[in-house]
PDB file of all heavy atoms in Angstrom:
ATOM      1  N   VAL A   1     -38.076 -58.070 -41.317  1.00  0.00           N
ATOM      2  CA  VAL A   1     -37.311 -56.941 -41.826  1.00  0.00           C
ATOM      3  C   VAL A   1     -36.433 -56.474 -40.679  1.00  0.00           C
ATOM      4  O   VAL A   1     -36.915 -56.104 -39.612  1.00  0.00           O
ATOM      5  CB  VAL A   1     -38.234 -55.818 -42.335  1.00  0.00           C
ATOM      6  CG1 VAL A   1     -37.415 -54.641 -42.815  1.00  0.00           C
ATOM      7  CG2 VAL A   1     -39.137 -56.341 -43.445  1.00  0.00           C
ATOM      8  N   VAL A   2     -35.136 -56.533 -40.914  1.00  0.00           N
ATOM      9  CA  VAL A   2     -34.129 -56.263 -39.894  1.00  0.00           C
ATOM     10  C   VAL A   2     -33.434 -54.950 -40.212  1.00  0.00           C
ATOM     11  O   VAL A   2     -33.107 -54.673 -41.361  1.00  0.00           O
ATOM     12  CB  VAL A   2     -33.114 -57.433 -39.849  1.00  0.00           C
ATOM     13  CG1 VAL A   2     -32.008 -57.164 -38.874  1.00  0.00           C
ATOM     14  CG2 VAL A   2     -33.819 -58.737 -39.519  1.00  0.00           C
ATOM     15  N   LYS A   3     -33.227 -54.133 -39.184  1.00  0.00           N
ATOM     16  CA  LYS A   3     -32.542 -52.840 -39.307  1.00  0.00           C
ATOM     17  C   LYS A   3     -31.145 -52.975 -38.707  1.00  0.00           C
ATOM     18  O   LYS A   3     -30.975 -53.527 -37.619  1.00  0.00           O
ATOM     19  CB  LYS A   3     -33.342 -51.761 -38.569  1.00  0.00           C
ATOM     20  CG  LYS A   3     -32.692 -50.408 -38.518  1.00  0.00           C
ATOM     21  CD  LYS A   3     -32.776 -49.697 -39.842  1.00  0.00           C
ATOM     22  CE  LYS A   3     -32.236 -48.279 -39.704  1.00  0.00           C
ATOM     23  NZ  LYS A   3     -31.597 -47.801 -40.867  1.00  0.00           N
ATOM     24  N   THR A   4     -30.158 -52.470 -39.399  1.00  0.00           N
ATOM     25  CA  THR A   4     -28.785 -52.502 -38.910  1.00  0.00           C
ATOM     26  C   THR A   4     -28.679 -51.758 -37.584  1.00  0.00           C
ATOM     27  O   THR A   4     -29.192 -50.641 -37.457  1.00  0.00           O
ATOM     28  CB  THR A   4     -27.835 -51.851 -39.930  1.00  0.00           C
ATOM     29  OG1 THR A   4     -28.023 -52.478 -41.188  1.00  0.00           O
ATOM     30  CG2 THR A   4     -26.390 -51.978 -39.501  1.00  0.00           C
ATOM     31  N   VAL A   5     -28.046 -52.385 -36.587  1.00  0.00           N
ATOM     32  CA  VAL A   5     -27.851 -51.764 -35.277  1.00  0.00           C
ATOM     33  C   VAL A   5     -26.461 -52.101 -34.753  1.00  0.00           C
ATOM     34  O   VAL A   5     -25.826 -53.045 -35.189  1.00  0.00           O
ATOM     35  CB  VAL A   5     -28.901 -52.234 -34.233  1.00  0.00           C
ATOM     36  CG1 VAL A   5     -30.286 -51.794 -34.605  1.00  0.00           C
ATOM     37  CG2 VAL A   5     -28.844 -53.723 -34.022  1.00  0.00           C
ATOM     38  N   ASP A   6     -26.039 -51.309 -33.792  1.00  0.00           N
ATOM     39  CA  ASP A   6     -24.796 -51.563 -33.087  1.00  0.00           C
ATOM     40  C   ASP A   6     -25.120 -52.448 -31.888  1.00  0.00           C
ATOM     41  O   ASP A   6     -26.177 -52.313 -31.277  1.00  0.00           O
ATOM     42  CB  ASP A   6     -24.189 -50.228 -32.632  1.00  0.00           C
ATOM     43  CG  ASP A   6     -22.871 -50.417 -31.934  1.00  0.00           C
ATOM     44  OD1 ASP A   6     -21.912 -50.863 -32.576  1.00  0.00           O
ATOM     45  OD2 ASP A   6     -22.814 -50.121 -30.719  1.00  0.00           O
ATOM     46  N   ILE A   7     -24.219 -53.340 -31.511  1.00  0.00           N
ATOM     47  CA  ILE A   7     -24.473 -54.252 -30.396  1.00  0.00           C
ATOM     48  C   ILE A   7     -24.749 -53.497 -29.094  1.00  0.00           C
ATOM     49  O   ILE A   7     -25.486 -53.973 -28.235  1.00  0.00           O
ATOM     50  CB  ILE A   7     -23.322 -55.278 -30.217  1.00  0.00           C
ATOM     51  CG1 ILE A   7     -23.772 -56.409 -29.278  1.00  0.00           C
ATOM     52  CG2 ILE A   7     -22.056 -54.601 -29.709  1.00  0.00           C
ATOM     53  CD1 ILE A   7     -22.869 -57.616 -29.275  1.00  0.00           C
ATOM     54  N   GLY A   8     -24.206 -52.287 -28.962  1.00  0.00           N
ATOM     55  CA  GLY A   8     -24.422 -51.494 -27.748  1.00  0.00           C
ATOM     56  C   GLY A   8     -25.868 -51.044 -27.562  1.00  0.00           C
ATOM     57  O   GLY A   8     -26.285 -50.738 -26.446  1.00  0.00           O
ATOM     58  N   SER A   9     -26.637 -51.007 -28.649  1.00  0.00           N
ATOM     59  CA  SER A   9     -28.036 -50.574 -28.539  1.00  0.00           C
ATOM     60  C   SER A   9     -29.003 -51.741 -28.322  1.00  0.00           C
ATOM     61  O   SER A   9     -30.193 -51.527 -28.129  1.00  0.00           O
ATOM     62  CB  SER A   9     -28.442 -49.806 -29.796  1.00  0.00           C
ATOM     63  OG  SER A   9     -28.426 -50.665 -30.914  1.00  0.00           O
ATOM     64  N   ILE A  10     -28.482 -52.955 -28.343  1.00  0.00           N
ATOM     65  CA  ILE A  10     -29.339 -54.132 -28.184  1.00  0.00           C
ATOM     66  C   ILE A  10     -29.600 -54.373 -26.703  1.00  0.00           C
ATOM     67  O   ILE A  10     -28.696 -54.316 -25.870  1.00  0.00           O
ATOM     68  CB  ILE A  10     -28.690 -55.368 -28.842  1.00  0.00           C
ATOM     69  CG1 ILE A  10     -28.567 -55.134 -30.347  1.00  0.00           C
ATOM     70  CG2 ILE A  10     -29.497 -56.622 -28.542  1.00  0.00           C
ATOM     71  CD1 ILE A  10     -27.776 -56.190 -31.076  1.00  0.00           C
ATOM     72  N   GLN A  11     -30.862 -54.636 -26.395  1.00  0.00           N
ATOM     73  CA  GLN A  11     -31.298 -54.893 -25.016  1.00  0.00           C
ATOM     74  C   GLN A  11     -31.778 -56.337 -24.881  1.00  0.00           C
ATOM     75  O   GLN A  11     -32.099 -56.983 -25.876  1.00  0.00           O
ATOM     76  CB  GLN A  11     -32.457 -53.953 -24.651  1.00  0.00           C
ATOM     77  CG  GLN A  11     -32.150 -52.483 -24.790  1.00  0.00           C
ATOM     78  CD  GLN A  11     -31.155 -52.014 -23.745  1.00  0.00           C
ATOM     79  OE1 GLN A  11     -31.255 -52.386 -22.583  1.00  0.00           O
ATOM     80  NE2 GLN A  11     -30.194 -51.213 -24.153  1.00  0.00           N
ATOM     81  N   GLU A  12     -31.851 -56.786 -23.651  1.00  0.00           N
ATOM     82  CA  GLU A  12     -32.425 -58.089 -23.378  1.00  0.00           C
ATOM     83  C   GLU A  12     -33.876 -58.078 -23.865  1.00  0.00           C
ATOM     84  O   GLU A  12     -34.575 -57.087 -23.731  1.00  0.00           O
ATOM     85  CB  GLU A  12     -32.364 -58.371 -21.871  1.00  0.00           C
ATOM     86  CG  GLU A  12     -32.637 -59.806 -21.510  1.00  0.00           C
ATOM     87  CD  GLU A  12     -32.390 -60.073 -20.036  1.00  0.00           C
ATOM     88  OE1 GLU A  12     -31.320 -59.670 -19.524  1.00  0.00           O
ATOM     89  OE2 GLU A  12     -33.282 -60.683 -19.414  1.00  0.00           O
ATOM     90  N   ASN A  13     -34.304 -59.152 -24.464  1.00  0.00           N
ATOM     91  CA  ASN A  13     -35.655 -59.350 -25.006  1.00  0.00           C
ATOM     92  C   ASN A  13     -35.803 -58.866 -26.457  1.00  0.00           C
ATOM     93  O   ASN A  13     -36.833 -59.088 -27.065  1.00  0.00           O
ATOM     94  CB  ASN A  13     -36.732 -58.724 -24.121  1.00  0.00           C
ATOM     95  CG  ASN A  13     -37.903 -59.653 -23.940  1.00  0.00           C
ATOM     96  OD1 ASN A  13     -37.807 -60.851 -24.196  1.00  0.00           O
ATOM     97  ND2 ASN A  13     -39.020 -59.105 -23.519  1.00  0.00           N
ATOM     98  N   ASP A  14     -34.780 -58.161 -27.009  1.00  0.00           N
ATOM     99  CA  ASP A  14     -34.816 -57.777 -28.419  1.00  0.00           C
ATOM    100  C   ASP A  14     -34.674 -59.025 -29.283  1.00  0.00           C
ATOM    101  O   ASP A  14     -34.066 -60.022 -28.873  1.00  0.00           O
ATOM    102  CB  ASP A  14     -33.668 -56.821 -28.767  1.00  0.00           C
ATOM    103  CG  ASP A  14     -33.869 -55.422 -28.228  1.00  0.00           C
ATOM    104  OD1 ASP A  14     -34.969 -55.130 -27.704  1.00  0.00           O
ATOM    105  OD2 ASP A  14     -32.912 -54.622 -28.327  1.00  0.00           O
ATOM    106  N   ILE A  15     -35.209 -58.959 -30.481  1.00  0.00           N
ATOM    107  CA  ILE A  15     -35.029 -60.046 -31.446  1.00  0.00           C
ATOM    108  C   ILE A  15     -33.986 -59.575 -32.449  1.00  0.00           C
ATOM    109  O   ILE A  15     -34.116 -58.496 -33.038  1.00  0.00           O
ATOM    110  CB  ILE A  15     -36.357 -60.397 -32.141  1.00  0.00           C
ATOM    111  CG1 ILE A  15     -37.355 -60.914 -31.107  1.00  0.00           C
ATOM    112  CG2 ILE A  15     -36.131 -61.418 -33.250  1.00  0.00           C
ATOM    113  CD1 ILE A  15     -38.754 -61.165 -31.642  1.00  0.00           C
ATOM    114  N   VAL A  16     -32.935 -60.376 -32.605  1.00  0.00           N
ATOM    115  CA  VAL A  16     -31.818 -60.006 -33.475  1.00  0.00           C
ATOM    116  C   VAL A  16     -31.576 -61.093 -34.518  1.00  0.00           C
ATOM    117  O   VAL A  16     -31.937 -62.246 -34.325  1.00  0.00           O
ATOM    118  CB  VAL A  16     -30.514 -59.763 -32.667  1.00  0.00           C
ATOM    119  CG1 VAL A  16     -30.673 -58.596 -31.722  1.00  0.00           C
ATOM    120  CG2 VAL A  16     -30.072 -61.003 -31.937  1.00  0.00           C
ATOM    121  N   THR A  17     -30.946 -60.686 -35.598  1.00  0.00           N
ATOM    122  CA  THR A  17     -30.477 -61.630 -36.604  1.00  0.00           C
ATOM    123  C   THR A  17     -28.960 -61.580 -36.591  1.00  0.00           C
ATOM    124  O   THR A  17     -28.369 -60.503 -36.575  1.00  0.00           O
ATOM    125  CB  THR A  17     -31.015 -61.271 -38.003  1.00  0.00           C
ATOM    126  OG1 THR A  17     -32.439 -61.333 -37.971  1.00  0.00           O
ATOM    127  CG2 THR A  17     -30.497 -62.214 -39.061  1.00  0.00           C
ATOM    128  N   TYR A  18     -28.362 -62.772 -36.558  1.00  0.00           N
ATOM    129  CA  TYR A  18     -26.907 -62.842 -36.524  1.00  0.00           C
ATOM    130  C   TYR A  18     -26.416 -63.968 -37.421  1.00  0.00           C
ATOM    131  O   TYR A  18     -27.170 -64.862 -37.804  1.00  0.00           O
ATOM    132  CB  TYR A  18     -26.396 -63.019 -35.092  1.00  0.00           C
ATOM    133  CG  TYR A  18     -26.816 -64.317 -34.421  1.00  0.00           C
ATOM    134  CD1 TYR A  18     -25.990 -65.437 -34.467  1.00  0.00           C
ATOM    135  CD2 TYR A  18     -28.014 -64.416 -33.730  1.00  0.00           C
ATOM    136  CE1 TYR A  18     -26.367 -66.625 -33.850  1.00  0.00           C
ATOM    137  CE2 TYR A  18     -28.394 -65.588 -33.111  1.00  0.00           C
ATOM    138  CZ  TYR A  18     -27.567 -66.690 -33.178  1.00  0.00           C
ATOM    139  OH  TYR A  18     -27.949 -67.872 -32.574  1.00  0.00           O
ATOM    140  N   LYS A  19     -25.126 -63.855 -37.776  1.00  0.00           N
ATOM    141  CA  LYS A  19     -24.492 -64.873 -38.610  1.00  0.00           C
ATOM    142  C   LYS A  19     -23.933 -65.970 -37.717  1.00  0.00           C
ATOM    143  O   LYS A  19     -23.236 -65.702 -36.739  1.00  0.00           O
ATOM    144  CB  LYS A  19     -23.340 -64.264 -39.409  1.00  0.00           C
ATOM    145  CG  LYS A  19     -23.755 -63.249 -40.422  1.00  0.00           C
ATOM    146  CD  LYS A  19     -22.541 -62.674 -41.122  1.00  0.00           C
ATOM    147  CE  LYS A  19     -22.888 -61.434 -41.893  1.00  0.00           C
ATOM    148  NZ  LYS A  19     -21.718 -60.792 -42.473  1.00  0.00           N
ATOM    149  N   LYS A  20     -24.255 -67.186 -38.076  1.00  0.00           N
ATOM    150  CA  LYS A  20     -23.699 -68.354 -37.385  1.00  0.00           C
ATOM    151  C   LYS A  20     -23.173 -69.272 -38.476  1.00  0.00           C
ATOM    152  O   LYS A  20     -23.939 -70.003 -39.104  1.00  0.00           O
ATOM    153  CB  LYS A  20     -24.772 -69.047 -36.552  1.00  0.00           C
ATOM    154  CG  LYS A  20     -24.256 -70.200 -35.745  1.00  0.00           C
ATOM    155  CD  LYS A  20     -25.353 -70.787 -34.877  1.00  0.00           C
ATOM    156  CE  LYS A  20     -24.795 -71.901 -34.024  1.00  0.00           C
ATOM    157  NZ  LYS A  20     -25.837 -72.484 -33.175  1.00  0.00           N
ATOM    158  N   GLY A  21     -21.865 -69.174 -38.727  1.00  0.00           N
ATOM    159  CA  GLY A  21     -21.292 -69.881 -39.867  1.00  0.00           C
ATOM    160  C   GLY A  21     -21.820 -69.252 -41.146  1.00  0.00           C
ATOM    161  O   GLY A  21     -21.803 -68.049 -41.315  1.00  0.00           O
ATOM    162  N   GLY A  22     -22.387 -70.056 -42.023  1.00  0.00           N
ATOM    163  CA  GLY A  22     -22.959 -69.550 -43.265  1.00  0.00           C
ATOM    164  C   GLY A  22     -24.460 -69.337 -43.178  1.00  0.00           C
ATOM    165  O   GLY A  22     -25.116 -69.131 -44.186  1.00  0.00           O
ATOM    166  N   THR A  23     -24.999 -69.380 -41.962  1.00  0.00           N
ATOM    167  CA  THR A  23     -26.448 -69.282 -41.769  1.00  0.00           C
ATOM    168  C   THR A  23     -26.804 -68.001 -41.031  1.00  0.00           C
ATOM    169  O   THR A  23     -26.045 -67.528 -40.192  1.00  0.00           O
ATOM    170  CB  THR A  23     -26.941 -70.486 -40.934  1.00  0.00           C
ATOM    171  OG1 THR A  23     -26.514 -71.690 -41.564  1.00  0.00           O
ATOM    172  CG2 THR A  23     -28.441 -70.501 -40.800  1.00  0.00           C
ATOM    173  N   LEU A  24     -27.970 -67.467 -41.339  1.00  0.00           N
ATOM    174  CA  LEU A  24     -28.502 -66.336 -40.586  1.00  0.00           C
ATOM    175  C   LEU A  24     -29.549 -66.873 -39.620  1.00  0.00           C
ATOM    176  O   LEU A  24     -30.420 -67.646 -40.003  1.00  0.00           O
ATOM    177  CB  LEU A  24     -29.129 -65.302 -41.520  1.00  0.00           C
ATOM    178  CG  LEU A  24     -28.161 -64.581 -42.447  1.00  0.00           C
ATOM    179  CD1 LEU A  24     -28.917 -63.700 -43.424  1.00  0.00           C
ATOM    180  CD2 LEU A  24     -27.171 -63.756 -41.659  1.00  0.00           C
ATOM    181  N   VAL A  25     -29.453 -66.444 -38.362  1.00  0.00           N
ATOM    182  CA  VAL A  25     -30.361 -66.902 -37.314  1.00  0.00           C
ATOM    183  C   VAL A  25     -31.063 -65.688 -36.722  1.00  0.00           C
ATOM    184  O   VAL A  25     -30.423 -64.682 -36.410  1.00  0.00           O
ATOM    185  CB  VAL A  25     -29.577 -67.643 -36.197  1.00  0.00           C
ATOM    186  CG1 VAL A  25     -30.508 -68.089 -35.081  1.00  0.00           C
ATOM    187  CG2 VAL A  25     -28.808 -68.826 -36.771  1.00  0.00           C
ATOM    188  N   THR A  26     -32.383 -65.789 -36.559  1.00  0.00           N
ATOM    189  CA  THR A  26     -33.165 -64.723 -35.932  1.00  0.00           C
ATOM    190  C   THR A  26     -33.739 -65.273 -34.637  1.00  0.00           C
ATOM    191  O   THR A  26     -34.626 -66.130 -34.663  1.00  0.00           O
ATOM    192  CB  THR A  26     -34.297 -64.233 -36.862  1.00  0.00           C
ATOM    193  OG1 THR A  26     -33.711 -63.748 -38.077  1.00  0.00           O
ATOM    194  CG2 THR A  26     -35.099 -63.122 -36.214  1.00  0.00           C
ATOM    195  N   HIS A  27     -33.198 -64.822 -33.511  1.00  0.00           N
ATOM    196  CA  HIS A  27     -33.618 -65.296 -32.182  1.00  0.00           C
ATOM    197  C   HIS A  27     -33.669 -64.132 -31.206  1.00  0.00           C
ATOM    198  O   HIS A  27     -33.156 -63.050 -31.462  1.00  0.00           O
ATOM    199  CB  HIS A  27     -32.676 -66.377 -31.660  1.00  0.00           C
ATOM    200  CG  HIS A  27     -32.942 -67.734 -32.239  1.00  0.00           C
ATOM    201  ND1 HIS A  27     -32.115 -68.805 -31.996  1.00  0.00           N
ATOM    202  CD2 HIS A  27     -33.936 -68.213 -33.028  1.00  0.00           C
ATOM    203  CE1 HIS A  27     -32.589 -69.877 -32.616  1.00  0.00           C
ATOM    204  NE2 HIS A  27     -33.694 -69.528 -33.258  1.00  0.00           N
ATOM    205  N   ARG A  28     -34.251 -64.404 -30.058  1.00  0.00           N
ATOM    206  CA  ARG A  28     -34.413 -63.399 -29.008  1.00  0.00           C
ATOM    207  C   ARG A  28     -33.176 -63.369 -28.106  1.00  0.00           C
ATOM    208  O   ARG A  28     -32.599 -64.403 -27.791  1.00  0.00           O
ATOM    209  CB  ARG A  28     -35.648 -63.733 -28.168  1.00  0.00           C
ATOM    210  CG  ARG A  28     -36.011 -62.646 -27.167  1.00  0.00           C
ATOM    211  CD  ARG A  28     -37.298 -62.977 -26.420  1.00  0.00           C
ATOM    212  NE  ARG A  28     -38.435 -63.236 -27.298  1.00  0.00           N
ATOM    213  CZ  ARG A  28     -39.196 -62.306 -27.853  1.00  0.00           C
ATOM    214  NH1 ARG A  28     -38.935 -61.022 -27.632  1.00  0.00           N
ATOM    215  NH2 ARG A  28     -40.216 -62.639 -28.618  1.00  0.00           N
ATOM    216  N   VAL A  29     -32.789 -62.161 -27.670  1.00  0.00           N
ATOM    217  CA  VAL A  29     -31.685 -61.995 -26.724  1.00  0.00           C
ATOM    218  C   VAL A  29     -32.242 -62.288 -25.324  1.00  0.00           C
ATOM    219  O   VAL A  29     -33.187 -61.639 -24.886  1.00  0.00           O
ATOM    220  CB  VAL A  29     -31.105 -60.559 -26.775  1.00  0.00           C
ATOM    221  CG1 VAL A  29     -30.043 -60.363 -25.705  1.00  0.00           C
ATOM    222  CG2 VAL A  29     -30.557 -60.263 -28.159  1.00  0.00           C
ATOM    223  N   VAL A  30     -31.662 -63.287 -24.672  1.00  0.00           N
ATOM    224  CA  VAL A  30     -32.134 -63.639 -23.323  1.00  0.00           C
ATOM    225  C   VAL A  30     -31.198 -63.140 -22.235  1.00  0.00           C
ATOM    226  O   VAL A  30     -31.575 -63.084 -21.068  1.00  0.00           O
ATOM    227  CB  VAL A  30     -32.377 -65.160 -23.175  1.00  0.00           C
ATOM    228  CG1 VAL A  30     -33.536 -65.601 -24.057  1.00  0.00           C
ATOM    229  CG2 VAL A  30     -31.119 -65.964 -23.486  1.00  0.00           C
ATOM    230  N   ASP A  31     -29.967 -62.758 -22.631  1.00  0.00           N
ATOM    231  CA  ASP A  31     -29.022 -62.254 -21.639  1.00  0.00           C
ATOM    232  C   ASP A  31     -27.901 -61.491 -22.333  1.00  0.00           C
ATOM    233  O   ASP A  31     -27.489 -61.823 -23.439  1.00  0.00           O
ATOM    234  CB  ASP A  31     -28.436 -63.428 -20.843  1.00  0.00           C
ATOM    235  CG  ASP A  31     -27.709 -62.997 -19.580  1.00  0.00           C
ATOM    236  OD1 ASP A  31     -27.904 -61.843 -19.125  1.00  0.00           O
ATOM    237  OD2 ASP A  31     -26.947 -63.817 -19.021  1.00  0.00           O
ATOM    238  N   LEU A  32     -27.427 -60.431 -21.674  1.00  0.00           N
ATOM    239  CA  LEU A  32     -26.248 -59.693 -22.116  1.00  0.00           C
ATOM    240  C   LEU A  32     -25.109 -60.111 -21.205  1.00  0.00           C
ATOM    241  O   LEU A  32     -25.194 -59.973 -19.986  1.00  0.00           O
ATOM    242  CB  LEU A  32     -26.484 -58.188 -22.016  1.00  0.00           C
ATOM    243  CG  LEU A  32     -27.647 -57.629 -22.833  1.00  0.00           C
ATOM    244  CD1 LEU A  32     -27.911 -56.175 -22.484  1.00  0.00           C
ATOM    245  CD2 LEU A  32     -27.388 -57.763 -24.312  1.00  0.00           C
ATOM    246  N   VAL A  33     -24.039 -60.616 -21.784  1.00  0.00           N
ATOM    247  CA  VAL A  33     -22.926 -61.150 -21.010  1.00  0.00           C
ATOM    248  C   VAL A  33     -21.701 -60.266 -21.217  1.00  0.00           C
ATOM    249  O   VAL A  33     -21.302 -60.001 -22.344  1.00  0.00           O
ATOM    250  CB  VAL A  33     -22.612 -62.605 -21.442  1.00  0.00           C
ATOM    251  CG1 VAL A  33     -21.444 -63.163 -20.664  1.00  0.00           C
ATOM    252  CG2 VAL A  33     -23.842 -63.485 -21.317  1.00  0.00           C
ATOM    253  N   ASP A  34     -21.112 -59.807 -20.108  1.00  0.00           N
ATOM    254  CA  ASP A  34     -19.882 -59.021 -20.173  1.00  0.00           C
ATOM    255  C   ASP A  34     -18.712 -59.989 -20.027  1.00  0.00           C
ATOM    256  O   ASP A  34     -18.533 -60.613 -18.981  1.00  0.00           O
ATOM    257  CB  ASP A  34     -19.849 -57.983 -19.056  1.00  0.00           C
ATOM    258  CG  ASP A  34     -18.656 -57.046 -19.177  1.00  0.00           C
ATOM    259  OD1 ASP A  34     -17.680 -57.400 -19.871  1.00  0.00           O
ATOM    260  OD2 ASP A  34     -18.704 -55.965 -18.571  1.00  0.00           O
ATOM    261  N   GLN A  35     -17.923 -60.116 -21.090  1.00  0.00           N
ATOM    262  CA  GLN A  35     -16.786 -61.031 -21.073  1.00  0.00           C
ATOM    263  C   GLN A  35     -15.521 -60.242 -21.411  1.00  0.00           C
ATOM    264  O   GLN A  35     -15.314 -59.839 -22.551  1.00  0.00           O
ATOM    265  CB  GLN A  35     -17.026 -62.155 -22.085  1.00  0.00           C
ATOM    266  CG  GLN A  35     -16.145 -63.363 -21.861  1.00  0.00           C
ATOM    267  CD  GLN A  35     -16.584 -64.502 -22.764  1.00  0.00           C
ATOM    268  OE1 GLN A  35     -16.367 -64.433 -23.966  1.00  0.00           O
ATOM    269  NE2 GLN A  35     -17.184 -65.528 -22.193  1.00  0.00           N
ATOM    270  N   ASN A  36     -14.727 -59.966 -20.394  1.00  0.00           N
ATOM    271  CA  ASN A  36     -13.488 -59.190 -20.554  1.00  0.00           C
ATOM    272  C   ASN A  36     -13.762 -57.816 -21.172  1.00  0.00           C
ATOM    273  O   ASN A  36     -13.049 -57.364 -22.058  1.00  0.00           O
ATOM    274  CB  ASN A  36     -12.461 -59.949 -21.392  1.00  0.00           C
ATOM    275  CG  ASN A  36     -12.070 -61.271 -20.775  1.00  0.00           C
ATOM    276  OD1 ASN A  36     -12.004 -61.402 -19.552  1.00  0.00           O
ATOM    277  ND2 ASN A  36     -11.838 -62.266 -21.615  1.00  0.00           N
TER     278      ASN A  36
END
């Protein structure tokens, strides 16, 4: 059961669900990357 969140509230080690193409993936965040 996934709760809607903003990316700014996600921390390293959280488990998130995201869209990858037409698939939903539930994996752990291992790193936060600042890109531009």
